[in-house]
C-alpha cells in the first residue's frame, strides 16, 4: 500500500483528502464526540507542512443524495479549524461553483472542505457509471488523492474507490495505522478475547463465524445478547430480539463448544419497564427476564465476570457497547469492560476498541484514547477486515 512519502514533493499541489468526519451531533447540531475529527489531524498536518493545498472531502449521516442542512459538514469544518489553529473554508456544494472557487482560493499549506459528499447522488450510486462521473468531477479539483477515511474503506463509493483510479494516490496516516493494528489481530498473541455488543446480532454474524476459528474467548453483551439467550431457551421479555437469527446463533453456540471456544454470556441483566433513563429498572437473572421488561445493560455480576475473563487476555478486540450507555442507569456494564481493557493494556496486552459507538462510549465514560492500544475509527470496516473480506477502498490503493 502506497503511503504519502511515495507521492514525492507535494508543495503547491492540490491534494484531495478523503477523511471520515461522520461525527455524532446533538439536536442543536453540536458535535458530541470529535474523535474522528481529531483522528484526521495528523495526516492533514503532514500534508500542509509539505506545502500542499488540502481539499478535505467527507460525508455525514445519510442524506438522500441532495442537500439537507441538518447534515452539513459545517460543525466538522469549524472543529477542524480549531484543532489546526487555522480557519477551514467550507464550500457550500460538493463539485459545483462554490467548490471550484474555494479550491482556487487555497494557498500553499491551507485547508478547505467540500460540503457533504452524500449531497450528490453519485457518491453512493449503485451504477458504476454514475459513480465514475462524480469521481471525475472530484478528481478535476485536485492533482493527488489521499485516502484517510478508514470508516468507509469497505464501501465501493466514488470518493473512496473510483477517484483513486484517476489520480496518483496513497493511504493517509490514519488508514495505514488502522491496517497495521488490524493485521496484528489476524495473528494475535494468546489468549485472544473478543467482546461484542451493540444492538443487532445480524450486524456481526460474519465476524462471529470467522472468530470461532480464531478467538479463544467471546464475550457477548449489548442488545445482541438477547438473541443468544433465546437460543438457549430463555425468556427475554420485551428486549431487542432478532427471532429470525435464533437458529443460526444456536448453531454458533454448538460450533463454539465443538471447537473449544468459550462463549461467555451475561449471568444478570439490568431490566427496565421501558427504554428510558427514568424507567423502573432492576437487576434480574439473565435466564429470568420478566415478560414485561426489557434488558438495557449487563448486570453487575456479569460486568465482574467479563472483567475476570479478560484478565488473562494478551489480545482484545472490542466492538459494541454492553448496554444503552447513553443513559446513566445502563452504562455500568460498558464501563466495567472498558476498565478491564485499561488494566490489561497496562499489563502489555494489545487492546483495540472498534466502532463509533464503542469509541464514543469510552470517551463519554471518562476514559482517554491513550488508555487503550488503539481506538479504531471504523466499526464496519474493522469487522469486515477481521472477517477476511476484500475492502475496495484498500485494494484500490495497492494498484
Protein backbone atom coordinates (compact mmCIF):
# COMPACT_ATOMS: atom_id res chain seq x y z
CA UNK A 1 0.00 0.00 0.00
CA UNK A 2 1.40 3.38 -1.03
CA UNK A 3 2.00 6.00 1.63
CA UNK A 4 2.22 9.79 1.48
CA UNK A 5 6.01 9.51 1.25
CA UNK A 6 5.60 7.69 -2.06
CA UNK A 7 3.86 10.71 -3.60
CA UNK A 8 7.01 12.80 -3.73
CA UNK A 9 7.09 16.58 -3.39
CA UNK A 10 3.59 17.89 -2.69
CA UNK A 11 4.47 21.57 -2.33
CA UNK A 12 1.88 23.67 -4.14
CA UNK A 13 -0.13 20.62 -5.21
CA UNK A 14 -3.86 20.26 -4.66
CA UNK A 15 -4.49 17.12 -2.61
CA UNK A 16 -7.97 15.65 -2.39
CA UNK A 17 -8.12 14.04 1.05
CA UNK A 18 -10.94 11.59 1.81
CA UNK A 19 -11.46 11.80 5.58
CA UNK A 20 -14.07 10.29 7.89
CA UNK A 21 -15.87 13.14 9.64
CA UNK A 22 -19.12 11.27 10.26
CA UNK A 23 -19.40 12.59 13.80
CA UNK A 24 -22.42 12.33 16.12
CA UNK A 25 -24.42 15.55 16.57
CA UNK A 26 -26.93 16.51 19.24
CA UNK A 27 -30.32 18.09 18.50
CA UNK A 28 -28.69 21.52 18.31
CA UNK A 29 -26.15 20.40 15.73
CA UNK A 30 -23.21 20.30 18.14
CA UNK A 31 -20.60 17.53 17.92
CA UNK A 32 -20.89 15.16 20.87
CA UNK A 33 -17.72 13.16 20.10
CA UNK A 34 -14.97 14.74 17.99
CA UNK A 35 -12.77 11.65 17.90
CA UNK A 36 -12.94 11.25 14.14
CA UNK A 37 -12.10 14.91 13.55
CA UNK A 38 -9.09 14.66 15.86
CA UNK A 39 -8.01 11.44 14.15
CA UNK A 40 -7.89 13.27 10.80
CA UNK A 41 -5.47 15.95 12.00
CA UNK A 42 -2.09 14.13 11.75
CA UNK A 43 -2.48 13.40 8.03
CA UNK A 44 -3.70 16.93 7.31
CA UNK A 45 -0.75 18.42 9.19
CA UNK A 46 1.66 16.12 7.35
CA UNK A 47 0.31 17.42 4.05
CA UNK A 48 0.19 21.10 4.98
CA UNK A 49 3.74 21.04 6.34
CA UNK A 50 4.81 20.00 2.85
CA UNK A 51 3.01 22.99 1.41
CA UNK A 52 0.14 21.01 -0.09
CA UNK A 53 -3.22 22.64 -0.70
CA UNK A 54 -5.54 20.24 1.10
CA UNK A 55 -9.12 19.66 -0.04
CA UNK A 56 -10.92 17.63 2.62
CA UNK A 57 -13.95 15.65 1.50
CA UNK A 58 -16.18 13.54 3.72
CA UNK A 59 -19.77 12.60 4.50
CA UNK A 60 -22.04 12.96 7.50
CA UNK A 61 -25.18 10.95 8.13
CA UNK A 62 -27.39 9.58 5.38
CA UNK A 63 -28.83 12.40 3.30
CA UNK A 64 -30.69 11.13 0.26
CA UNK A 65 -28.46 12.41 -2.48
CA UNK A 66 -29.42 16.05 -2.13
CA UNK A 67 -28.55 18.96 0.20
CA UNK A 68 -30.00 18.75 3.70
CA UNK A 69 -28.92 21.44 6.22
CA UNK A 70 -29.06 19.07 9.18
CA UNK A 71 -26.29 17.00 7.58
CA UNK A 72 -23.99 19.89 6.73
CA UNK A 73 -20.30 19.44 7.48
CA UNK A 74 -20.16 22.96 8.96
CA UNK A 75 -19.68 21.71 12.56
CA UNK A 76 -16.83 19.44 11.42
CA UNK A 77 -15.16 22.24 9.45
CA UNK A 78 -15.36 24.55 12.46
CA UNK A 79 -13.93 21.94 14.83
CA UNK A 80 -11.17 21.00 12.40
CA UNK A 81 -10.19 24.65 12.14
CA UNK A 82 -9.96 24.87 15.92
CA UNK A 83 -7.71 21.81 16.06
CA UNK A 84 -5.47 23.05 13.23
CA UNK A 85 -5.30 26.58 14.59
CA UNK A 86 -6.34 27.99 11.22
CA UNK A 87 -9.74 28.50 9.54
CA UNK A 88 -11.05 25.80 7.24
CA UNK A 89 -13.16 27.25 4.45
CA UNK A 90 -16.28 25.18 3.70
CA UNK A 91 -17.70 25.13 0.18
CA UNK A 92 -21.48 25.11 0.05
CA UNK A 93 -21.55 22.37 -2.58
CA UNK A 94 -19.55 19.26 -3.49
CA UNK A 95 -18.23 19.85 -7.02
CA UNK A 96 -20.12 22.98 -8.09
CA UNK A 97 -19.12 26.64 -8.40
CA UNK A 98 -18.54 27.08 -4.67
CA UNK A 99 -16.27 24.03 -4.51
CA UNK A 100 -14.23 25.21 -7.50
CA UNK A 101 -13.83 28.77 -6.22
CA UNK A 102 -12.99 27.58 -2.70
CA UNK A 103 -10.28 25.32 -4.07
CA UNK A 104 -8.94 28.05 -6.37
CA UNK A 105 -8.56 30.37 -3.38
CA UNK A 106 -6.34 27.91 -1.49
CA UNK A 107 -2.74 28.89 -0.85
CA UNK A 108 0.14 26.54 -0.08
CA UNK A 109 -0.36 24.89 3.34
CA UNK A 110 -4.02 25.83 3.61
CA UNK A 111 -7.05 23.57 4.11
CA UNK A 112 -10.57 23.75 2.70
CA UNK A 113 -13.51 21.36 2.89
CA UNK A 114 -16.18 20.33 0.41
CA UNK A 115 -19.75 20.05 1.59
CA UNK A 116 -21.18 16.61 2.44
CA UNK A 117 -20.34 14.22 -0.40
CA UNK A 118 -23.64 12.43 0.03
CA UNK A 119 -25.46 15.59 -1.04
CA UNK A 120 -24.59 14.26 -4.50
CA UNK A 121 -26.28 11.04 -5.63
CA UNK A 122 -23.16 9.99 -7.49
CA UNK A 123 -21.25 9.34 -4.28
CA UNK A 124 -23.20 6.23 -3.31
CA UNK A 125 -24.80 5.38 -6.66
CA UNK A 126 -25.20 1.71 -7.47
CA UNK A 127 -24.40 2.46 -11.09
CA UNK A 128 -20.65 2.37 -11.73
CA UNK A 129 -21.11 4.95 -14.49
CA UNK A 130 -22.84 7.39 -12.14
CA UNK A 131 -20.12 6.95 -9.52
CA UNK A 132 -17.41 7.38 -12.13
CA UNK A 133 -18.98 10.60 -13.37
CA UNK A 134 -18.98 12.08 -9.87
CA UNK A 135 -15.43 10.83 -9.30
CA UNK A 136 -14.34 12.66 -12.46
CA UNK A 137 -15.70 15.91 -11.05
CA UNK A 138 -13.93 15.34 -7.72
CA UNK A 139 -10.66 14.44 -9.42
CA UNK A 140 -10.82 17.61 -11.53
CA UNK A 141 -10.41 19.63 -8.32
CA UNK A 142 -7.03 18.10 -7.44
CA UNK A 143 -3.76 16.61 -8.63
CA UNK A 144 -3.29 13.93 -5.95
CA UNK A 145 -5.62 11.74 -3.88
CA UNK A 146 -5.04 10.56 -0.30
CA UNK A 147 -7.40 8.07 1.36
CA UNK A 148 -7.68 8.61 5.11
CA UNK A 149 -11.29 7.71 5.91
CA UNK A 150 -10.93 4.20 7.28
CA UNK A 151 -14.59 4.09 8.31
CA UNK A 152 -15.62 3.94 4.64
CA UNK A 153 -12.92 1.77 3.02
CA UNK A 154 -15.33 -1.17 2.96
CA UNK A 155 -17.62 0.82 0.62
CA UNK A 156 -17.23 0.98 -3.16
CA UNK A 157 -18.14 4.66 -3.33
CA UNK A 158 -17.00 7.41 -5.66
CA UNK A 159 -14.75 9.26 -3.21
CA UNK A 160 -13.35 6.04 -1.76
CA UNK A 161 -12.84 3.81 -4.79
CA UNK A 162 -13.46 5.44 -8.16
CA UNK A 163 -11.47 8.64 -7.65
CA UNK A 164 -8.35 6.63 -6.75
CA UNK A 165 -8.36 5.29 -10.31
CA UNK A 166 -8.00 8.81 -11.67
CA UNK A 167 -5.23 10.40 -9.59
CA UNK A 168 -1.87 9.44 -8.10
CA UNK A 169 -2.94 8.01 -4.76
CA UNK A 170 -1.80 6.84 -1.34
CA UNK A 171 -3.05 5.88 2.10
CA UNK A 172 -3.05 8.53 4.80
CA UNK A 173 -1.54 8.02 8.23
CA UNK A 174 -4.86 7.00 9.78
CA UNK A 175 -5.66 4.32 7.19
CA UNK A 176 -2.12 2.99 7.26
CA UNK A 177 -2.13 2.84 11.06
CA UNK A 178 -5.51 1.11 11.20
CA UNK A 179 -4.38 -1.61 8.81
CA UNK A 180 -1.17 -2.20 10.77
CA UNK A 181 -3.12 -2.73 14.01
CA UNK A 182 -5.79 -4.93 12.45
CA UNK A 183 -3.12 -7.08 10.84
CA UNK A 184 -1.84 -7.81 14.35
CA UNK A 185 -5.32 -9.12 15.21
CA UNK A 186 -5.08 -11.69 12.44
CA UNK A 187 -2.05 -13.27 14.18
CA UNK A 188 -2.85 -12.49 17.82
CA UNK A 189 -0.92 -13.25 20.96
CA UNK A 190 -2.86 -15.73 23.11
CA UNK A 191 -5.22 -15.59 24.91
CA UNK A 192 -7.25 -13.78 22.26
CA UNK A 193 -10.53 -12.37 23.61
CA UNK A 194 -13.26 -10.60 21.66
CA UNK A 195 -16.04 -8.60 23.31
CA UNK A 196 -19.04 -7.95 21.10
CA UNK A 197 -22.03 -5.76 21.88
CA UNK A 198 -24.31 -3.34 20.11
CA UNK A 199 -27.88 -3.65 19.05
CA UNK A 200 -28.11 -6.35 16.40
CA UNK A 201 -26.54 -9.78 16.20
CA UNK A 202 -27.21 -9.75 12.44
CA UNK A 203 -24.63 -6.96 12.06
CA UNK A 204 -21.95 -9.24 13.46
CA UNK A 205 -22.86 -12.70 12.15
CA UNK A 206 -19.97 -12.74 9.70
CA UNK A 207 -17.34 -11.76 12.23
CA UNK A 208 -18.72 -14.22 14.82
CA UNK A 209 -18.47 -17.04 12.31
CA UNK A 210 -14.94 -16.01 11.40
CA UNK A 211 -13.81 -15.59 15.01
CA UNK A 212 -14.97 -19.06 16.01
CA UNK A 213 -11.90 -20.30 14.21
CA UNK A 214 -9.53 -17.67 15.58
CA UNK A 215 -10.50 -16.37 19.02
CA UNK A 216 -10.19 -18.22 22.31
CA UNK A 217 -12.94 -16.33 24.09
CA UNK A 218 -16.06 -14.43 23.03
CA UNK A 219 -17.89 -12.14 25.45
CA UNK A 220 -21.38 -11.21 24.30
CA UNK A 221 -23.34 -8.22 25.58
CA UNK A 222 -25.50 -5.38 24.31
CA UNK A 223 -28.82 -5.81 22.56
CA UNK A 224 -27.48 -8.73 20.55
CA UNK A 225 -27.19 -10.89 23.67
CA UNK A 226 -30.92 -11.50 23.87
CA UNK A 227 -30.88 -13.50 20.67
CA UNK A 228 -28.20 -15.68 22.28
CA UNK A 229 -30.26 -16.04 25.46
CA UNK A 230 -33.33 -17.01 23.44
CA UNK A 231 -31.19 -19.53 21.54
CA UNK A 232 -30.51 -21.13 24.94
CA UNK A 233 -34.27 -21.28 25.57
CA UNK A 234 -34.58 -18.35 27.98
CA UNK A 235 -37.32 -15.74 28.26
CA UNK A 236 -36.11 -12.29 27.18
CA UNK A 237 -39.24 -10.23 27.85
CA UNK A 238 -39.59 -7.21 25.58
CA UNK A 239 -35.83 -6.99 24.97
CA UNK A 240 -34.43 -6.46 21.50
CA UNK A 241 -34.65 -9.80 19.71
CA UNK A 242 -33.91 -10.98 16.20
CA UNK A 243 -36.10 -14.05 16.13
CA UNK A 244 -35.04 -14.97 12.60
CA UNK A 245 -31.44 -15.39 13.80
CA UNK A 246 -32.11 -17.68 16.78
CA UNK A 247 -31.41 -20.92 14.91
CA UNK A 248 -28.20 -19.54 13.44
CA UNK A 249 -27.00 -18.37 16.85
CA UNK A 250 -27.85 -21.77 18.31
CA UNK A 251 -25.58 -23.26 15.65
CA UNK A 252 -22.77 -20.89 16.65
CA UNK A 253 -23.08 -21.94 20.28
CA UNK A 254 -22.79 -25.58 19.29
CA UNK A 255 -19.90 -24.90 16.92
CA UNK A 256 -18.03 -22.96 19.62
CA UNK A 257 -18.39 -25.87 22.01
CA UNK A 258 -17.01 -28.29 19.42
CA UNK A 259 -14.04 -26.00 18.72
CA UNK A 260 -13.26 -25.32 22.37
CA UNK A 261 -14.02 -21.60 22.01
CA UNK A 262 -15.58 -20.20 25.18
CA UNK A 263 -18.64 -18.00 24.66
CA UNK A 264 -19.47 -16.06 27.81
CA UNK A 265 -22.98 -14.64 28.19
CA UNK A 266 -24.22 -12.40 31.00
CA UNK A 267 -25.49 -14.01 34.16
CA UNK A 268 -27.57 -10.98 35.15
CA UNK A 269 -29.27 -8.15 33.30
CA UNK A 270 -30.48 -4.64 34.13
CA UNK A 271 -34.10 -4.84 33.01
CA UNK A 272 -36.41 -1.81 32.73
CA UNK A 273 -40.09 -1.24 32.06
CA UNK A 274 -39.26 0.90 29.01
CA UNK A 275 -36.36 2.42 27.09
CA UNK A 276 -35.86 5.41 29.35
CA UNK A 277 -33.41 6.60 31.99
CA UNK A 278 -36.36 7.29 34.27
CA UNK A 279 -37.99 3.89 33.88
CA UNK A 280 -38.29 1.48 36.79
CA UNK A 281 -35.40 -0.96 36.50
CA UNK A 282 -33.97 -3.86 38.44
CA UNK A 283 -31.16 -6.38 38.18
CA UNK A 284 -32.57 -9.80 37.27
CA UNK A 285 -31.07 -13.17 36.43
CA UNK A 286 -30.24 -13.42 32.72
CA UNK A 287 -32.38 -16.54 32.40
CA UNK A 288 -35.37 -14.97 34.17
CA UNK A 289 -36.13 -11.63 32.50
CA UNK A 290 -39.77 -10.70 33.29
CA UNK A 291 -42.10 -10.72 30.30
CA UNK A 292 -42.94 -7.03 30.76
CA UNK A 293 -39.32 -5.80 30.96
CA UNK A 294 -36.52 -5.14 28.50
CA UNK A 295 -32.84 -5.68 29.11
CA UNK A 296 -30.80 -2.49 28.73
CA UNK A 297 -27.42 -3.47 30.20
CA UNK A 298 -25.47 -6.40 31.52
CA UNK A 299 -25.71 -6.61 35.31
CA UNK A 300 -23.00 -6.09 37.95
CA UNK A 301 -22.20 -9.79 38.31
CA UNK A 302 -21.79 -10.00 34.54
CA UNK A 303 -19.52 -6.96 34.48
CA UNK A 304 -17.33 -8.59 37.12
CA UNK A 305 -17.40 -11.91 35.23
CA UNK A 306 -16.38 -10.29 31.95
CA UNK A 307 -13.58 -8.36 33.66
CA UNK A 308 -12.29 -11.55 35.28
CA UNK A 309 -12.31 -13.39 31.94
CA UNK A 310 -10.32 -10.59 30.33
CA UNK A 311 -7.54 -10.64 32.92
CA UNK A 312 -5.65 -13.40 31.12
CA UNK A 313 -6.01 -11.90 27.64
CA UNK A 314 -2.96 -10.80 25.66
CA UNK A 315 -5.04 -9.56 22.73
CA UNK A 316 -8.51 -8.00 22.99
CA UNK A 317 -10.83 -6.67 20.28
CA UNK A 318 -13.97 -4.90 21.48
CA UNK A 319 -16.79 -3.79 19.21
CA UNK A 320 -20.10 -2.55 20.57
CA UNK A 321 -21.23 -1.26 23.98
CA UNK A 322 -22.62 -3.63 26.59
CA UNK A 323 -25.80 -1.61 27.10
CA UNK A 324 -27.58 1.69 26.46
CA UNK A 325 -24.60 3.62 27.84
CA UNK A 326 -26.09 6.96 26.80
CA UNK A 327 -28.38 6.66 29.83
CA UNK A 328 -26.62 6.58 33.20
CA UNK A 329 -28.58 3.66 34.71
CA UNK A 330 -27.43 1.41 31.86
CA UNK A 331 -23.76 2.45 31.49
CA UNK A 332 -22.11 0.30 34.18
CA UNK A 333 -21.60 -2.78 32.00
CA UNK A 334 -19.80 -0.85 29.28
CA UNK A 335 -17.69 0.91 31.91
CA UNK A 336 -16.71 -2.42 33.51
CA UNK A 337 -15.47 -3.80 30.19
CA UNK A 338 -13.62 -0.57 29.40
CA UNK A 339 -11.89 -0.62 32.79
CA UNK A 340 -10.90 -4.25 32.27
CA UNK A 341 -9.30 -3.32 28.95
CA UNK A 342 -7.42 -0.46 30.57
CA UNK A 343 -5.94 -2.86 33.11
CA UNK A 344 -4.80 -5.46 30.58
CA UNK A 345 -3.39 -2.67 28.40
CA UNK A 346 -1.26 -1.60 31.36
CA UNK A 347 -0.08 -5.22 31.58
CA UNK A 348 1.12 -5.08 27.99
CA UNK A 349 -1.82 -6.58 26.11
CA UNK A 350 -2.88 -5.33 22.68
CA UNK A 351 -6.32 -3.76 23.08
CA UNK A 352 -8.34 -2.49 20.14
CA UNK A 353 -11.63 -0.64 20.56
CA UNK A 354 -13.51 -0.77 17.27
CA UNK A 355 -16.57 1.14 16.16
CA UNK A 356 -18.01 4.61 16.59
CA UNK A 357 -20.37 3.63 19.41
CA UNK A 358 -17.64 1.94 21.42
CA UNK A 359 -15.26 4.85 20.91
CA UNK A 360 -17.92 7.36 21.91
CA UNK A 361 -18.81 5.25 24.93
CA UNK A 362 -15.32 5.06 26.41
CA UNK A 363 -14.80 8.80 25.96
CA UNK A 364 -18.18 9.62 27.44
CA UNK A 365 -17.43 7.41 30.43
CA UNK A 366 -14.23 9.29 31.17
CA UNK A 367 -11.56 7.15 29.54
CA UNK A 368 -8.79 8.59 27.38
CA UNK A 369 -7.81 7.27 23.96
CA UNK A 370 -4.36 6.57 25.39
CA UNK A 371 -5.87 4.13 27.91
CA UNK A 372 -6.09 1.59 25.07
CA UNK A 373 -3.59 0.44 22.47
CA UNK A 374 -5.78 1.65 19.62
CA UNK A 375 -9.24 3.12 19.07
CA UNK A 376 -10.40 2.35 15.56
CA UNK A 377 -12.40 4.92 13.62
CA UNK A 378 -14.20 2.29 11.57
CA UNK A 379 -16.64 -0.18 13.06
CA UNK A 380 -18.00 -1.87 9.96
CA UNK A 381 -14.65 -1.66 8.19
CA UNK A 382 -12.88 -3.24 11.15
CA UNK A 383 -15.37 -6.09 11.30
CA UNK A 384 -15.17 -6.81 7.59
CA UNK A 385 -11.36 -6.74 7.70
CA UNK A 386 -11.38 -9.31 10.51
CA UNK A 387 -13.85 -11.42 8.53
CA UNK A 388 -11.26 -11.56 5.77
CA UNK A 389 -13.40 -9.68 3.28
CA UNK A 390 -11.93 -7.64 0.45
CA UNK A 391 -12.23 -3.94 1.23
CA UNK A 392 -12.47 -1.96 -2.03
CA UNK A 393 -11.04 1.22 -0.53
CA UNK A 394 -7.88 -0.64 0.48
CA UNK A 395 -7.37 -2.83 -2.58
CA UNK A 396 -7.55 0.19 -4.90
CA UNK A 397 -4.64 1.76 -3.00
CA UNK A 398 -2.46 -1.23 -3.89
CA UNK A 399 -2.71 -0.60 -7.63
